[in-house]
Every structure is written in C-alpha cells, then in structure tokens.
C-alpha atoms as a PDB file:
ATOM      1  CA  MET A   1       0.000   0.000   0.000  1.00  0.00           C
ATOM      2  CA  LEU A   2       2.828   2.435   0.853  1.00  0.00           C
ATOM      3  CA  ASP A   3       6.385   2.064  -0.408  1.00  0.00           C
ATOM      4  CA  ILE A   4       9.510   3.547   1.163  1.00  0.00           C
ATOM      5  CA  GLN A   5       9.218   6.807  -0.800  1.00  0.00           C
ATOM      6  CA  GLU A   6       5.689   7.388   0.510  1.00  0.00           C
ATOM      7  CA  ILE A   7       6.757   6.448   4.045  1.00  0.00           C
ATOM      8  CA  MET A   8       9.576   9.025   3.923  1.00  0.00           C
ATOM      9  CA  LYS A   9       7.009  11.716   3.048  1.00  0.00           C
ATOM     10  CA  ILE A  10       5.235  10.910   6.339  1.00  0.00           C
ATOM     11  CA  LEU A  11       8.015  10.077   8.816  1.00  0.00           C
ATOM     12  CA  PRO A  12      10.902  12.456   9.558  1.00  0.00           C
ATOM     13  CA  HIS A  13      13.250   9.503  10.258  1.00  0.00           C
ATOM     14  CA  ARG A  14      16.088   8.645   7.881  1.00  0.00           C
ATOM     15  CA  TYR A  15      18.763   5.964   7.685  1.00  0.00           C
ATOM     16  CA  PRO A  16      19.899   4.474   9.949  1.00  0.00           C
ATOM     17  CA  PHE A  17      16.836   5.192  12.092  1.00  0.00           C
ATOM     18  CA  LEU A  18      14.027   4.660   9.584  1.00  0.00           C
ATOM     19  CA  LEU A  19      12.778   1.212  10.625  1.00  0.00           C
ATOM     20  CA  VAL A  20       9.817   0.705   8.270  1.00  0.00           C
ATOM     21  CA  ASP A  21      10.317  -0.454   4.679  1.00  0.00           C
ATOM     22  CA  ARG A  22       6.725  -0.920   3.541  1.00  0.00           C
ATOM     23  CA  ILE A  23       3.116  -0.673   4.665  1.00  0.00           C
ATOM     24  CA  GLN A  24       1.251  -3.677   3.321  1.00  0.00           C
ATOM     25  CA  GLU A  25      -2.197  -3.334   4.944  1.00  0.00           C
ATOM     26  CA  MET A  26      -4.175  -0.505   6.435  1.00  0.00           C
ATOM     27  CA  ASP A  27      -7.615   0.305   7.782  1.00  0.00           C
ATOM     28  CA  PRO A  28      -7.207   4.065   8.378  1.00  0.00           C
ATOM     29  CA  GLY A  29      -7.446   5.036  12.031  1.00  0.00           C
ATOM     30  CA  LYS A  30      -7.922   1.434  13.135  1.00  0.00           C
ATOM     31  CA  ARG A  31      -5.192  -0.970  12.018  1.00  0.00           C
ATOM     32  CA  ILE A  32      -1.971  -1.076  10.015  1.00  0.00           C
ATOM     33  CA  VAL A  33       0.643  -3.671   9.046  1.00  0.00           C
ATOM     34  CA  GLY A  34       4.220  -2.591   8.344  1.00  0.00           C
ATOM     35  CA  ILE A  35       7.296  -4.509   7.193  1.00  0.00           C
ATOM     36  CA  LYS A  36      10.937  -4.131   8.260  1.00  0.00           C
ATOM     37  CA  ASN A  37      13.446  -6.225   6.321  1.00  0.00           C
ATOM     38  CA  VAL A  38      16.239  -7.006   8.765  1.00  0.00           C
ATOM     39  CA  THR A  39      19.641  -7.239   7.065  1.00  0.00           C
ATOM     40  CA  ILE A  40      23.183  -7.860   8.289  1.00  0.00           C
ATOM     41  CA  ASN A  41      24.013  -4.356   7.010  1.00  0.00           C
ATOM     42  CA  GLU A  42      22.132  -2.734   9.912  1.00  0.00           C
ATOM     43  CA  PRO A  43      24.671  -0.635  11.845  1.00  0.00           C
ATOM     44  CA  PHE A  44      23.546  -1.944  15.252  1.00  0.00           C
ATOM     45  CA  PHE A  45      24.615  -5.514  14.395  1.00  0.00           C
ATOM     46  CA  GLN A  46      28.305  -4.500  14.646  1.00  0.00           C
ATOM     47  CA  GLY A  47      27.986  -4.290  18.409  1.00  0.00           C
ATOM     48  CA  HIS A  48      24.802  -6.244  19.223  1.00  0.00           C
ATOM     49  CA  PHE A  49      26.281  -8.849  19.361  1.00  0.00           C
ATOM     50  CA  PRO A  50      29.563  -9.648  17.566  1.00  0.00           C
ATOM     51  CA  GLY A  51      29.344 -13.221  16.300  1.00  0.00           C
ATOM     52  CA  HIS A  52      25.678 -13.488  17.315  1.00  0.00           C
ATOM     53  CA  PRO A  53      23.726 -10.593  15.727  1.00  0.00           C
ATOM     54  CA  VAL A  54      20.371  -9.847  17.405  1.00  0.00           C
ATOM     55  CA  MET A  55      18.130  -6.847  16.695  1.00  0.00           C
ATOM     56  CA  PRO A  56      17.855  -4.794  19.898  1.00  0.00           C
ATOM     57  CA  GLY A  57      14.411  -4.980  21.486  1.00  0.00           C
ATOM     58  CA  VAL A  58      14.288  -1.211  21.850  1.00  0.00           C
ATOM     59  CA  LEU A  59      14.559  -0.912  18.046  1.00  0.00           C
ATOM     60  CA  ILE A  60      11.696  -3.373  17.579  1.00  0.00           C
ATOM     61  CA  ILE A  61       9.645  -1.079  19.836  1.00  0.00           C
ATOM     62  CA  GLU A  62      10.803   1.946  17.818  1.00  0.00           C
ATOM     63  CA  ALA A  63       9.716   0.196  14.592  1.00  0.00           C
ATOM     64  CA  MET A  64       6.296  -0.358  16.215  1.00  0.00           C
ATOM     65  CA  ALA A  65       6.152   3.337  17.159  1.00  0.00           C
ATOM     66  CA  GLN A  66       6.984   4.378  13.592  1.00  0.00           C
ATOM     67  CA  VAL A  67       4.264   2.138  12.133  1.00  0.00           C
ATOM     68  CA  GLY A  68       1.798   3.485  14.720  1.00  0.00           C
ATOM     69  CA  GLY A  69       2.837   7.034  13.825  1.00  0.00           C
ATOM     70  CA  ILE A  70       2.006   6.368  10.174  1.00  0.00           C
ATOM     71  CA  LEU A  71      -1.422   5.039  11.203  1.00  0.00           C
ATOM     72  CA  ALA A  72      -2.143   8.133  13.328  1.00  0.00           C
ATOM     73  CA  TYR A  73      -0.816  10.512  10.655  1.00  0.00           C
ATOM     74  CA  LEU A  74      -2.983   9.044   7.904  1.00  0.00           C
ATOM     75  CA  ALA A  75      -6.081   9.260  10.134  1.00  0.00           C
ATOM     76  CA  SER A  76      -5.428  12.919  11.033  1.00  0.00           C
ATOM     77  CA  ASP A  77      -6.462  16.187   9.395  1.00  0.00           C
ATOM     78  CA  ASP A  78      -4.115  18.528   7.517  1.00  0.00           C
ATOM     79  CA  GLU A  79      -3.501  20.739  10.569  1.00  0.00           C
ATOM     80  CA  ILE A  80      -2.247  17.779  12.628  1.00  0.00           C
ATOM     81  CA  ARG A  81      -0.168  16.504   9.706  1.00  0.00           C
ATOM     82  CA  LYS A  82       1.962  19.668   9.937  1.00  0.00           C
ATOM     83  CA  LYS A  83       3.148  18.504  13.362  1.00  0.00           C
ATOM     84  CA  VAL A  84       5.551  15.757  14.440  1.00  0.00           C
ATOM     85  CA  CYS A  85       4.331  12.529  16.012  1.00  0.00           C
ATOM     86  CA  TYR A  86       6.131  11.919  19.312  1.00  0.00           C
ATOM     87  CA  PHE A  87       6.311   8.576  21.082  1.00  0.00           C
ATOM     88  CA  LEU A  88       5.013   9.045  24.671  1.00  0.00           C
ATOM     89  CA  SER A  89       5.136   5.696  26.424  1.00  0.00           C
ATOM     90  CA  VAL A  90       5.544   1.959  26.196  1.00  0.00           C
ATOM     91  CA  ASP A  91       3.906  -0.531  28.540  1.00  0.00           C
ATOM     92  CA  ALA A  92       3.851  -4.308  28.881  1.00  0.00           C
ATOM     93  CA  ALA A  93       6.672  -4.840  26.363  1.00  0.00           C
ATOM     94  CA  ARG A  94       7.613  -8.486  25.941  1.00  0.00           C
ATOM     95  CA  PHE A  95      10.321  -9.985  23.771  1.00  0.00           C
ATOM     96  CA  ARG A  96       9.659 -13.608  22.936  1.00  0.00           C
ATOM     97  CA  LYS A  97      12.205 -14.606  20.283  1.00  0.00           C
ATOM     98  CA  PRO A  98      15.378 -12.999  18.880  1.00  0.00           C
ATOM     99  CA  VAL A  99      15.142 -11.149  15.567  1.00  0.00           C
ATOM    100  CA  VAL A 100      18.203 -11.831  13.409  1.00  0.00           C
ATOM    101  CA  PRO A 101      19.577 -10.841   9.992  1.00  0.00           C
ATOM    102  CA  GLY A 102      17.438 -12.236   7.187  1.00  0.00           C
ATOM    103  CA  ASP A 103      14.198 -11.996   9.168  1.00  0.00           C
ATOM    104  CA  VAL A 104      11.214 -10.092   7.826  1.00  0.00           C
ATOM    105  CA  LEU A 105       9.622  -8.308  10.763  1.00  0.00           C
ATOM    106  CA  ARG A 106       5.846  -7.862  10.316  1.00  0.00           C
ATOM    107  CA  ILE A 107       4.496  -5.197  12.635  1.00  0.00           C
ATOM    108  CA  GLU A 108       0.766  -5.107  13.351  1.00  0.00           C
ATOM    109  CA  MET A 109      -0.607  -2.072  15.174  1.00  0.00           C
ATOM    110  CA  GLU A 110      -4.199  -1.536  16.305  1.00  0.00           C
ATOM    111  CA  THR A 111      -5.607   1.715  17.665  1.00  0.00           C
ATOM    112  CA  THR A 112      -6.798   1.403  21.265  1.00  0.00           C
ATOM    113  CA  LEU A 113      -7.183   5.126  22.030  1.00  0.00           C
ATOM    114  CA  ASN A 114      -7.698   8.356  20.119  1.00  0.00           C
ATOM    115  CA  ARG A 115      -8.759  11.028  22.560  1.00  0.00           C
ATOM    116  CA  ARG A 116      -7.660  14.620  23.244  1.00  0.00           C
ATOM    117  CA  GLY A 117      -4.672  14.301  20.952  1.00  0.00           C
ATOM    118  CA  ILE A 118      -3.378  11.079  22.515  1.00  0.00           C
ATOM    119  CA  TRP A 119      -3.144   7.930  20.430  1.00  0.00           C
ATOM    120  CA  GLY A 120      -2.861   4.476  21.984  1.00  0.00           C
ATOM    121  CA  PHE A 121      -1.783   1.354  20.126  1.00  0.00           C
ATOM    122  CA  SER A 122      -1.538  -2.345  20.749  1.00  0.00           C
ATOM    123  CA  GLY A 123       1.428  -3.659  18.803  1.00  0.00           C
ATOM    124  CA  LYS A 124       2.620  -7.106  17.828  1.00  0.00           C
ATOM    125  CA  ALA A 125       5.716  -8.025  15.841  1.00  0.00           C
ATOM    126  CA  TYR A 126       6.030 -11.327  14.001  1.00  0.00           C
ATOM    127  CA  VAL A 127       8.645 -13.213  12.036  1.00  0.00           C
ATOM    128  CA  GLY A 128       6.643 -15.563   9.861  1.00  0.00           C
ATOM    129  CA  GLU A 129       3.836 -16.798  12.104  1.00  0.00           C
ATOM    130  CA  LYS A 130       5.897 -16.521  15.314  1.00  0.00           C
ATOM    131  CA  LEU A 131       5.157 -13.668  17.703  1.00  0.00           C
ATOM    132  CA  VAL A 132       8.532 -12.125  18.567  1.00  0.00           C
ATOM    133  CA  ALA A 133       7.458  -9.024  20.539  1.00  0.00           C
ATOM    134  CA  ASP A 134       4.398  -7.159  21.737  1.00  0.00           C
ATOM    135  CA  ALA A 135       3.737  -3.894  23.581  1.00  0.00           C
ATOM    136  CA  GLU A 136       1.240  -1.121  24.304  1.00  0.00           C
ATOM    137  CA  LEU A 137       2.344   2.313  23.042  1.00  0.00           C
ATOM    138  CA  LYS A 138       1.109   5.905  23.219  1.00  0.00           C
ATOM    139  CA  ALA A 139       1.933   8.873  21.012  1.00  0.00           C
ATOM    140  CA  THR A 140       0.855  12.440  20.329  1.00  0.00           C
ATOM    141  CA  PHE A 141       1.420  15.164  17.751  1.00  0.00           C
ATOM    142  CA  ALA A 142       3.221  18.377  18.698  1.00  0.00           C
ATOM    143  CA  ASP A 143       5.011  21.237  17.013  1.00  0.00           C
ATOM    144  CA  SER A 144       8.569  20.399  16.059  1.00  0.00           C
END
C-alpha cells in the first residue's frame, strides 16, 4: 500500500533510524501492518552482538512506534499533519524470540485510544507466524 518513498514523506526519520520499509495493509485510524526487512548491514549488528547478531528490542519497539505514527498521521487532518508525532510511552513490552539478519519483521498495530490528541496502540511483531514481541504504546502530535 505504501512504499519507502511514501513512508519518507510521512516520517521524519532517515537511515539508519528509519525502521519501516513498507506498509502492506491498512484500515485508516484502526489498524496497520508494516514490514521491516532485517539485514546484516544494519549498523547496530556490529555491536549487538559480535558473532551473534540480534536486533535490539528497543529498536523493535521503535519500529512499532513508527508504524503506529504512520497510522495516526494518515487518520489525522491537515492541521495535525503539519506537526511531528512523538512517542510518549511503552507498557507491557515483551520480547519472545530474537530477531536476526534475514528476518522479515511484520508489525501489526491496532488503535486502542484516540482522545484529546493522545493515540494508543496495541502492537505485535512477528517473524513468519511466530510472535517475537508485543507492547502497548502511546503517542501524540506536537510542534517540532
């Protein structure tokens, strides 16, 4: 549905911190599915961990936040779209299986809250059919 060029028009992030490669499904304001192709070329693999590369859990959470930000942005009006989406909180984060080079991380985000400028999301990350991480996130839009 959205390729990397369209994603870069929405998110301010750039390499090496842009952690979404594609949006493959979306129900505006309700649900979104994003893809992150994990490659050995990621700069964090040099130190996490040498000889046993594992994607840091905090970056899986950041990828969830970026996908959630796209969902909130696309459901917002033009005035809100002039602002930046800021990640507010993460709760109940669980990491169930390591994410390694060659994995395709599928991030599913569902809206749980949209009130008074605060967005809440329930996020799940999968590799294939295996759940690798899940968390509850909140975000808001503010002037940059």
